[in-house]
Amino acid sequence: MWYFTWILGTLLACAFGIITALTLEHLENTQNKNSLK
């Protein structure tokens, strides 16, 4: 049953990475829009 923990941990790490990447991209876009004004 250890593989359930391994799968959940891997999915959690992937989700965290994706959310972090989307957050950084969003922050970069908002900073670029603010600097254009």
Protein backbone atom coordinates (compact mmCIF):
# COMPACT_ATOMS: atom_id res chain seq x y z
CA MET A 1 0.00 0.00 0.00
CA TRP A 2 3.04 2.27 0.08
CA TYR A 3 2.51 3.11 -3.59
CA PHE A 4 -0.64 5.10 -2.80
CA THR A 5 1.44 7.41 -0.63
CA TRP A 6 4.09 7.63 -3.34
CA ILE A 7 1.51 8.48 -6.03
CA LEU A 8 -0.18 11.08 -3.83
CA GLY A 9 3.17 12.65 -2.97
CA THR A 10 4.19 12.80 -6.62
CA LEU A 11 0.87 14.33 -7.67
CA LEU A 12 1.08 16.85 -4.84
CA ALA A 13 4.59 17.86 -5.86
CA CYS A 14 3.52 18.25 -9.51
CA ALA A 15 0.48 20.30 -8.54
CA PHE A 16 2.61 22.52 -6.31
CA GLY A 17 5.09 23.07 -9.15
CA ILE A 18 2.34 23.91 -11.62
CA ILE A 19 0.65 26.33 -9.21
CA THR A 20 3.97 28.01 -8.47
CA ALA A 21 4.75 28.39 -12.18
CA LEU A 22 1.31 29.86 -12.89
CA THR A 23 1.66 32.26 -9.95
CA LEU A 24 5.07 33.48 -11.10
CA GLU A 25 3.79 33.93 -14.65
CA HIS A 26 0.80 35.90 -13.39
CA LEU A 27 3.00 38.11 -11.24
CA GLU A 28 5.34 38.81 -14.15
CA ASN A 29 2.39 39.75 -16.37
CA THR A 30 0.94 42.13 -13.79
CA GLN A 31 4.33 43.77 -13.23
CA ASN A 32 4.79 44.26 -16.97
CA LYS A 33 1.33 45.83 -17.29
CA ASN A 34 2.04 48.17 -14.38
CA SER A 35 5.37 49.27 -15.86
CA LEU A 36 3.72 50.09 -19.21
CA LYS A 37 1.38 52.62 -17.63
